[in-house]
Amino acid sequence: MQNTALLWHVSLLAPPGRKAIALGLVGLARVVPVVIFSMLSGVVADAMDRRRVLLITQTLSAIVAVALATLSFQGLTVVWPIYLLAATGAAFGAFDLPARQALVPTLVPREHLPNAISLNTIMFQIAAVLGPSLGGVLIAASGVGWAYVANAVSFLFVAAALLMMKGVSGRPLKDDTAPATSRDDVSLHAAMEGLRFVFRSPLIRSTMLLDFFATFFSSAMALLPIFAQDILRVGPEGYGWLYAAPAAGAFVMSAAMVPLTERINRRGQTLLWAVAAFGLATVLFGFSRSFWLTFACLAMVGASDTVSMVIRNIVRQLETPDRLRGRMTGVNMVFFLGGPQLGELEAGAVANWLGATVSVVSGGIGCLIATACLAAATPALRHYTRDRAPDRAPVMADG
């Protein structure tokens, strides 16, 4: 809901004729903190009490939401404070995600973790469907400030969930986590160890690059306010539904992936075809001038991305030792968050120069080309199968 409100807010405050580039700069504001803090955050997740890290990051994120609401209610007339708060929230998120992902193996038995990834995706997509849809209605009825307020209130439930968590054994979570003496220190050596591990593993490296290039070229969502306002002319309610369309498609596919995940043997090929479908759906979205066709294309974007996301996560987590989990996630953040955020900037710049349609269509074509190149360059990914996976515990992931 907050992401929906933030883009809409920027589109309202942007100078005339510079709406596209203003929306693209949101991505730049978010990606810089991720790049700066990604390595440090992964080391922190492997070295410190992960639940305590999450409580801190969630509290700080709630403060950002309150600040956005306050500025909105005061009648903000310039856009730079929105960029500043978006960057601040991204910095807190850079520490939140590695800790959250590294915490999961203490919550779910090893034999159930692959399906837990699919179930977690369903949970995330339900929220991603409801949030933008309700956000569009709330923005239309009361303004963007109340969408920020709703997000601030939601962090109370996150904090309660963290405090109520128990480990796999049913004991309090602190009794199931590794003792502090078994964790690495927060140091440059620990950070470099994680970086070396990622780039020496062809499978992990290729899935991260695939994620980066696909989302960099196909970051069409940043331009959605332009399509809703100027091309489809559907207003904030229609914008909210279109923003939720990828999550709707992802939700349906997530439900299908729960029974299918263990049955997919040719995981590498399935991953590559899913990313290709992601790029093709983006091309069709760029050409569409119908609300329902646009909705269907965006739903296909979400569905194909879900297949890709689940398989990427399984591949990466099965290939990563437990003690490097947080650091692998920290490196991965640069790819799966940096790709779409830098892609938003690229999409906004191209749209400002050549128009929104050219930006989206060319991005989808770029995604298809990048997928073909990575498939040709990485035989290990093309040939990756379920039987190839080592006996290591995966970990749930959002990216």
Protein backbone atom coordinates (compact mmCIF):
# COMPACT_ATOMS: atom_id res chain seq x y z
CA MET A 1 0.00 0.00 0.00
CA GLN A 2 2.81 2.40 0.85
CA ASN A 3 4.69 1.68 -2.38
CA THR A 4 1.51 2.40 -4.34
CA ALA A 5 0.96 5.64 -2.46
CA LEU A 6 4.59 6.73 -2.80
CA LEU A 7 4.62 6.45 -6.61
CA TRP A 8 1.26 8.19 -6.88
CA HIS A 9 2.46 10.93 -4.53
CA VAL A 10 5.58 11.53 -6.63
CA SER A 11 3.50 11.66 -9.83
CA LEU A 12 1.36 14.41 -8.29
CA LEU A 13 4.34 16.47 -7.10
CA ALA A 14 6.51 16.08 -10.21
CA PRO A 15 7.12 19.19 -12.35
CA PRO A 16 5.09 19.35 -15.57
CA GLY A 17 6.69 17.36 -18.37
CA ARG A 18 9.07 15.50 -16.02
CA LYS A 19 6.73 12.95 -14.47
CA ALA A 20 8.47 9.93 -16.00
CA ILE A 21 11.96 10.87 -14.82
CA ALA A 22 10.59 11.81 -11.39
CA LEU A 23 9.09 8.33 -11.03
CA GLY A 24 12.33 6.76 -12.22
CA LEU A 25 14.31 8.61 -9.56
CA VAL A 26 12.34 6.75 -6.89
CA GLY A 27 14.23 3.63 -7.97
CA LEU A 28 17.58 5.41 -7.74
CA ALA A 29 16.75 6.67 -4.25
CA ARG A 30 15.98 3.13 -3.14
CA VAL A 31 18.88 1.30 -4.74
CA VAL A 32 21.78 3.44 -3.46
CA PRO A 33 21.34 2.41 0.22
CA VAL A 34 20.99 -1.24 -0.83
CA VAL A 35 24.33 -1.14 -2.64
CA ILE A 36 26.01 0.67 0.25
CA PHE A 37 24.76 -1.59 3.04
CA SER A 38 24.27 -4.98 1.33
CA MET A 39 27.56 -6.57 2.44
CA LEU A 40 27.42 -5.16 5.97
CA SER A 41 23.80 -6.24 6.44
CA GLY A 42 24.58 -9.83 5.43
CA VAL A 43 27.42 -10.02 7.95
CA VAL A 44 25.17 -8.55 10.66
CA ALA A 45 22.52 -11.21 9.91
CA ASP A 46 25.11 -13.97 10.36
CA ALA A 47 26.71 -12.47 13.48
CA MET A 48 23.87 -11.04 15.61
CA ASP A 49 20.54 -12.06 17.11
CA ARG A 50 18.37 -12.02 13.99
CA ARG A 51 15.06 -11.44 15.74
CA ARG A 52 16.49 -8.43 17.56
CA VAL A 53 17.75 -7.04 14.25
CA LEU A 54 14.26 -7.44 12.79
CA LEU A 55 12.59 -5.68 15.72
CA ILE A 56 14.94 -2.72 15.25
CA THR A 57 14.50 -2.49 11.47
CA GLN A 58 10.71 -2.81 11.67
CA THR A 59 10.50 -0.07 14.31
CA LEU A 60 12.62 2.28 12.18
CA SER A 61 10.53 1.48 9.08
CA ALA A 62 7.39 2.39 11.01
CA ILE A 63 8.94 5.76 11.84
CA VAL A 64 9.55 6.35 8.11
CA ALA A 65 5.87 5.61 7.40
CA VAL A 66 4.80 8.09 10.08
CA ALA A 67 7.11 10.74 8.58
CA LEU A 68 5.61 10.22 5.11
CA ALA A 69 2.10 10.55 6.51
CA THR A 70 3.02 13.71 8.41
CA LEU A 71 4.47 15.38 5.31
CA SER A 72 1.42 14.42 3.28
CA PHE A 73 -1.03 15.86 5.82
CA GLN A 74 1.02 19.07 6.00
CA GLY A 75 0.55 19.62 2.26
CA LEU A 76 4.00 18.81 0.87
CA THR A 77 4.66 20.70 -2.38
CA VAL A 78 8.16 19.49 -3.33
CA VAL A 79 9.26 15.96 -4.13
CA TRP A 80 12.76 15.70 -2.60
CA PRO A 81 11.59 14.74 0.95
CA ILE A 82 9.81 11.73 -0.60
CA TYR A 83 13.09 10.62 -2.19
CA LEU A 84 14.94 11.09 1.10
CA LEU A 85 12.46 9.00 3.07
CA ALA A 86 12.33 6.35 0.35
CA ALA A 87 16.13 6.05 0.60
CA THR A 88 15.98 5.91 4.40
CA GLY A 89 13.38 3.15 4.31
CA ALA A 90 15.48 1.22 1.79
CA ALA A 91 18.49 1.46 4.12
CA PHE A 92 16.50 -0.10 6.95
CA GLY A 93 15.18 -2.74 4.55
CA ALA A 94 18.74 -3.62 3.55
CA PHE A 95 19.33 -4.86 7.11
CA ASP A 96 15.87 -6.37 7.48
CA LEU A 97 15.84 -8.85 4.59
CA PRO A 98 19.02 -10.89 5.26
CA ALA A 99 18.08 -11.28 8.92
CA ARG A 100 14.53 -12.34 8.04
CA GLN A 101 15.61 -14.91 5.46
CA ALA A 102 18.35 -16.34 7.67
CA LEU A 103 15.86 -16.75 10.53
CA VAL A 104 13.50 -19.08 8.65
CA PRO A 105 15.39 -22.42 9.02
CA THR A 106 14.88 -22.17 12.78
CA LEU A 107 11.11 -22.01 12.21
CA VAL A 108 10.44 -24.75 9.63
CA PRO A 109 11.69 -28.38 9.59
CA ARG A 110 14.20 -29.08 6.84
CA GLU A 111 12.03 -31.55 4.93
CA HIS A 112 9.25 -28.98 4.55
CA LEU A 113 11.32 -25.98 3.49
CA PRO A 114 10.84 -26.23 -0.33
CA ASN A 115 7.06 -26.12 0.08
CA ALA A 116 7.44 -23.47 2.78
CA ILE A 117 8.99 -21.23 0.11
CA SER A 118 5.83 -21.58 -1.98
CA LEU A 119 3.57 -21.01 1.03
CA ASN A 120 5.53 -17.91 1.98
CA THR A 121 5.11 -16.63 -1.57
CA ILE A 122 1.32 -17.08 -1.27
CA MET A 123 1.32 -15.09 1.98
CA PHE A 124 3.34 -12.32 0.40
CA GLN A 125 1.18 -12.18 -2.74
CA ILE A 126 -2.10 -12.01 -0.81
CA ALA A 127 -0.78 -8.89 0.88
CA ALA A 128 0.52 -7.59 -2.44
CA VAL A 129 -2.94 -8.00 -4.01
CA LEU A 130 -4.87 -6.43 -1.15
CA GLY A 131 -2.41 -3.61 -0.44
CA PRO A 132 -2.40 -1.81 -3.82
CA SER A 133 -6.13 -2.43 -4.35
CA LEU A 134 -7.08 -0.98 -0.98
CA GLY A 135 -4.41 1.68 -1.43
CA GLY A 136 -6.01 2.92 -4.65
CA VAL A 137 -9.43 3.11 -3.00
CA LEU A 138 -7.98 4.84 0.07
CA ILE A 139 -6.02 7.35 -2.02
CA ALA A 140 -9.15 8.18 -4.03
CA ALA A 141 -11.31 8.54 -0.91
CA SER A 142 -8.96 10.18 1.59
CA GLY A 143 -5.56 10.95 0.00
CA VAL A 144 -2.12 9.37 0.10
CA GLY A 145 -1.52 10.29 3.75
CA TRP A 146 -3.92 7.66 5.04
CA ALA A 147 -2.19 4.95 3.01
CA TYR A 148 1.03 5.85 4.83
CA VAL A 149 -0.84 5.72 8.16
CA ALA A 150 -2.16 2.23 7.38
CA ASN A 151 1.38 1.04 6.75
CA ALA A 152 2.63 2.55 10.00
CA VAL A 153 -0.08 0.72 11.96
CA SER A 154 0.78 -2.58 10.26
CA PHE A 155 4.20 -2.68 11.92
CA LEU A 156 2.51 -3.31 15.28
CA PHE A 157 1.40 -6.70 13.96
CA VAL A 158 4.90 -7.44 12.64
CA ALA A 159 6.42 -6.76 16.03
CA ALA A 160 3.83 -8.96 17.74
CA ALA A 161 4.57 -11.82 15.32
CA LEU A 162 8.30 -11.56 15.98
CA LEU A 163 7.77 -11.70 19.74
CA MET A 164 5.47 -14.75 19.43
CA MET A 165 7.77 -16.84 17.19
CA LYS A 166 8.93 -20.26 18.34
CA GLY A 167 11.57 -22.51 16.85
CA VAL A 168 11.17 -25.88 15.13
CA SER A 169 11.26 -27.71 18.47
CA GLY A 170 8.43 -25.60 19.87
CA ARG A 171 10.77 -23.96 22.37
CA PRO A 172 11.31 -20.19 22.50
CA LEU A 173 13.17 -19.05 19.41
CA LYS A 174 16.35 -18.08 21.26
CA ASP A 175 16.73 -21.72 22.38
CA ASP A 176 16.79 -22.98 18.79
CA THR A 177 19.22 -20.50 17.30
CA ALA A 178 22.94 -21.05 17.07
CA PRO A 179 24.97 -19.87 20.09
CA ALA A 180 26.77 -16.59 19.69
CA THR A 181 30.14 -18.34 19.86
CA SER A 182 29.40 -20.19 16.57
CA ARG A 183 28.72 -17.01 14.61
CA ASP A 184 31.20 -15.04 12.58
CA ASP A 185 32.34 -11.61 13.67
CA VAL A 186 31.25 -8.45 11.89
CA SER A 187 34.40 -7.91 9.84
CA LEU A 188 35.70 -7.22 6.35
CA HIS A 189 37.04 -10.77 6.17
CA ALA A 190 33.56 -12.20 6.82
CA ALA A 191 32.06 -9.94 4.16
CA MET A 192 34.65 -10.92 1.56
CA GLU A 193 34.11 -14.61 2.34
CA GLY A 194 30.46 -14.27 1.39
CA LEU A 195 31.30 -12.34 -1.77
CA ARG A 196 33.87 -14.93 -2.88
CA PHE A 197 31.41 -17.75 -2.28
CA VAL A 198 28.73 -16.18 -4.48
CA PHE A 199 30.96 -15.40 -7.44
CA ARG A 200 32.71 -18.77 -7.38
CA SER A 201 29.39 -20.64 -7.67
CA PRO A 202 28.16 -20.63 -11.32
CA LEU A 203 24.58 -21.56 -10.38
CA ILE A 204 24.17 -18.89 -7.70
CA ARG A 205 25.93 -16.27 -9.79
CA SER A 206 23.81 -16.99 -12.89
CA THR A 207 20.48 -16.91 -11.02
CA MET A 208 21.41 -13.54 -9.52
CA LEU A 209 22.43 -12.12 -12.90
CA LEU A 210 19.26 -13.47 -14.48
CA ASP A 211 17.19 -11.78 -11.80
CA PHE A 212 19.07 -8.51 -12.21
CA PHE A 213 18.87 -8.19 -15.99
CA ALA A 214 15.26 -9.37 -16.21
CA THR A 215 14.03 -6.84 -13.67
CA PHE A 216 16.34 -4.08 -14.94
CA PHE A 217 14.90 -4.23 -18.45
CA SER A 218 11.30 -5.02 -17.44
CA SER A 219 10.68 -2.56 -14.60
CA ALA A 220 7.41 -1.35 -16.08
CA MET A 221 5.60 -0.81 -12.79
CA ALA A 222 7.31 2.53 -12.14
CA LEU A 223 5.53 3.92 -15.22
CA LEU A 224 2.13 2.55 -14.23
CA PRO A 225 0.84 5.94 -12.98
CA ILE A 226 1.46 7.32 -16.49
CA PHE A 227 -0.44 4.44 -18.12
CA ALA A 228 -3.30 4.81 -15.62
CA GLN A 229 -3.52 8.59 -15.86
CA ASP A 230 -2.60 9.44 -19.46
CA ILE A 231 -3.04 6.31 -21.62
CA LEU A 232 -5.80 4.17 -20.08
CA ARG A 233 -7.39 7.06 -18.12
CA VAL A 234 -8.72 4.87 -15.30
CA GLY A 235 -8.00 7.10 -12.27
CA PRO A 236 -6.64 6.05 -8.87
CA GLU A 237 -9.09 3.13 -8.45
CA GLY A 238 -8.05 1.60 -11.77
CA TYR A 239 -4.42 2.34 -10.92
CA GLY A 240 -4.78 0.41 -7.68
CA TRP A 241 -6.20 -2.60 -9.50
CA LEU A 242 -3.52 -2.53 -12.17
CA TYR A 243 -0.82 -2.22 -9.52
CA ALA A 244 -2.30 -5.30 -7.84
CA ALA A 245 -2.55 -7.31 -11.09
CA PRO A 246 0.98 -8.82 -10.93
CA ALA A 247 0.34 -9.91 -7.36
CA ALA A 248 -3.00 -11.44 -8.38
CA GLY A 249 -1.29 -13.53 -11.04
CA ALA A 250 1.48 -14.38 -8.61
CA PHE A 251 -1.03 -15.50 -5.98
CA VAL A 252 -2.71 -17.95 -8.36
CA MET A 253 0.65 -19.32 -9.50
CA SER A 254 1.92 -19.54 -5.92
CA ALA A 255 -1.00 -21.78 -5.01
CA ALA A 256 -0.19 -24.00 -7.99
CA MET A 257 3.50 -24.12 -7.07
CA VAL A 258 2.83 -25.69 -3.65
CA PRO A 259 2.04 -29.13 -5.11
CA LEU A 260 4.15 -28.62 -8.24
CA THR A 261 7.47 -27.51 -6.73
CA GLU A 262 8.66 -31.00 -5.85
CA ARG A 263 7.48 -32.37 -9.22
CA ILE A 264 9.51 -30.00 -11.38
CA ASN A 265 12.63 -31.93 -12.35
CA ARG A 266 14.17 -29.65 -15.01
CA ARG A 267 14.37 -26.67 -12.73
CA GLY A 268 16.96 -24.76 -14.74
CA GLN A 269 14.97 -24.89 -17.98
CA THR A 270 11.75 -24.03 -16.15
CA LEU A 271 13.45 -20.99 -14.65
CA LEU A 272 14.67 -19.77 -18.05
CA TRP A 273 11.27 -20.21 -19.71
CA ALA A 274 9.57 -18.40 -16.83
CA VAL A 275 11.83 -15.37 -17.23
CA ALA A 276 11.23 -15.39 -21.00
CA ALA A 277 7.46 -15.34 -20.36
CA PHE A 278 8.04 -12.41 -17.98
CA GLY A 279 9.70 -10.42 -20.78
CA LEU A 280 7.05 -11.31 -23.36
CA ALA A 281 4.20 -10.27 -21.06
CA THR A 282 5.99 -6.94 -20.51
CA VAL A 283 6.13 -6.34 -24.28
CA LEU A 284 2.39 -7.01 -24.61
CA PHE A 285 1.65 -4.69 -21.68
CA GLY A 286 3.50 -1.89 -23.43
CA PHE A 287 1.38 -2.24 -26.57
CA SER A 288 -1.97 -2.64 -24.77
CA ARG A 289 -4.59 0.12 -24.84
CA SER A 290 -7.28 -1.90 -23.04
CA PHE A 291 -7.65 -1.95 -19.27
CA TRP A 292 -8.46 -5.67 -19.14
CA LEU A 293 -5.71 -6.67 -21.57
CA THR A 294 -3.28 -4.60 -19.51
CA PHE A 295 -4.53 -6.29 -16.34
CA ALA A 296 -4.07 -9.74 -17.95
CA CYS A 297 -0.53 -8.90 -19.12
CA LEU A 298 0.46 -7.64 -15.69
CA ALA A 299 -1.06 -10.75 -14.10
CA MET A 300 1.09 -12.87 -16.44
CA VAL A 301 4.12 -10.83 -15.36
CA GLY A 302 3.37 -11.75 -11.74
CA ALA A 303 2.65 -15.41 -12.48
CA SER A 304 5.84 -15.98 -14.47
CA ASP A 305 7.91 -14.08 -11.93
CA THR A 306 6.55 -16.32 -9.16
CA VAL A 307 7.72 -19.47 -10.94
CA SER A 308 11.10 -17.84 -11.45
CA MET A 309 11.29 -16.60 -7.86
CA VAL A 310 10.47 -19.95 -6.24
CA ILE A 311 12.97 -21.86 -8.37
CA ARG A 312 15.68 -19.19 -7.96
CA ASN A 313 15.27 -19.37 -4.21
CA ILE A 314 15.42 -23.15 -4.10
CA VAL A 315 18.54 -23.24 -6.29
CA ARG A 316 20.36 -20.58 -4.28
CA GLN A 317 19.39 -21.86 -0.87
CA LEU A 318 20.20 -25.49 -1.61
CA GLU A 319 23.62 -24.44 -2.86
CA THR A 320 24.45 -22.22 0.16
CA PRO A 321 25.94 -23.47 3.47
CA ASP A 322 23.99 -22.40 6.54
CA ARG A 323 26.76 -20.22 7.97
CA LEU A 324 26.91 -18.09 4.79
CA ARG A 325 23.16 -17.65 4.44
CA GLY A 326 22.94 -14.04 5.54
CA ARG A 327 25.93 -12.96 3.46
CA MET A 328 24.59 -14.68 0.34
CA THR A 329 21.31 -12.83 0.85
CA GLY A 330 23.17 -9.55 1.31
CA VAL A 331 24.94 -9.96 -2.03
CA ASN A 332 21.70 -11.09 -3.64
CA MET A 333 19.96 -7.91 -2.50
CA VAL A 334 22.14 -5.88 -4.85
CA PHE A 335 20.84 -7.98 -7.74
CA PHE A 336 17.16 -8.54 -6.97
CA LEU A 337 16.58 -5.07 -5.49
CA GLY A 338 19.14 -3.20 -7.58
CA GLY A 339 17.75 -4.59 -10.84
CA PRO A 340 14.20 -3.25 -10.53
CA GLN A 341 15.22 -0.01 -8.83
CA LEU A 342 17.85 0.88 -11.43
CA GLY A 343 15.37 -0.39 -14.02
CA GLU A 344 12.86 2.17 -12.79
CA LEU A 345 15.40 4.91 -13.43
CA GLU A 346 16.17 3.52 -16.89
CA ALA A 347 12.46 3.15 -17.69
CA GLY A 348 11.76 6.70 -16.56
CA ALA A 349 14.64 8.14 -18.61
CA VAL A 350 13.61 6.28 -21.78
CA ALA A 351 9.96 7.21 -21.25
CA ASN A 352 10.90 10.86 -20.81
CA TRP A 353 12.86 10.70 -24.08
CA LEU A 354 10.80 8.38 -26.29
CA GLY A 355 7.54 7.82 -24.45
CA ALA A 356 6.16 5.27 -21.98
CA THR A 357 5.19 2.72 -24.65
CA VAL A 358 8.68 2.59 -26.18
CA SER A 359 10.22 2.32 -22.72
CA VAL A 360 8.11 -0.68 -21.68
CA VAL A 361 8.29 -2.54 -25.01
CA SER A 362 12.05 -2.10 -25.39
CA GLY A 363 12.53 -3.23 -21.80
CA GLY A 364 10.63 -6.45 -22.42
CA ILE A 365 12.74 -7.13 -25.51
CA GLY A 366 15.89 -6.46 -23.48
CA CYS A 367 14.72 -9.02 -20.91
CA LEU A 368 14.32 -11.67 -23.65
CA ILE A 369 17.79 -10.96 -25.06
CA ALA A 370 19.44 -11.07 -21.60
CA THR A 371 17.73 -14.39 -20.82
CA ALA A 372 18.95 -15.95 -24.05
CA CYS A 373 22.51 -14.76 -23.45
CA LEU A 374 22.65 -16.09 -19.88
CA ALA A 375 21.14 -19.41 -20.95
CA ALA A 376 23.82 -19.79 -23.61
CA ALA A 377 26.63 -18.78 -21.25
CA THR A 378 25.68 -21.02 -18.30
CA PRO A 379 25.25 -24.72 -19.20
CA ALA A 380 25.08 -25.61 -15.50
CA LEU A 381 21.86 -23.59 -15.19
CA ARG A 382 20.30 -25.06 -18.33
CA HIS A 383 20.99 -28.59 -17.10
CA TYR A 384 20.10 -28.06 -13.44
CA THR A 385 17.59 -30.66 -12.22
CA ARG A 386 15.89 -31.59 -8.98
CA ASP A 387 18.15 -34.62 -8.58
CA ARG A 388 21.23 -32.37 -8.89
CA ALA A 389 20.35 -30.42 -5.71
CA PRO A 390 22.68 -31.13 -2.73
CA ASP A 391 21.35 -32.09 0.67
CA ARG A 392 21.40 -28.66 2.22
CA ALA A 393 18.57 -26.81 3.85
CA PRO A 394 16.94 -24.07 1.75
CA VAL A 395 15.69 -20.86 3.24
CA MET A 396 12.61 -18.87 2.39
CA ALA A 397 13.17 -15.70 0.41
CA ASP A 398 11.25 -12.77 -1.03
CA GLY A 399 13.43 -11.92 -3.96
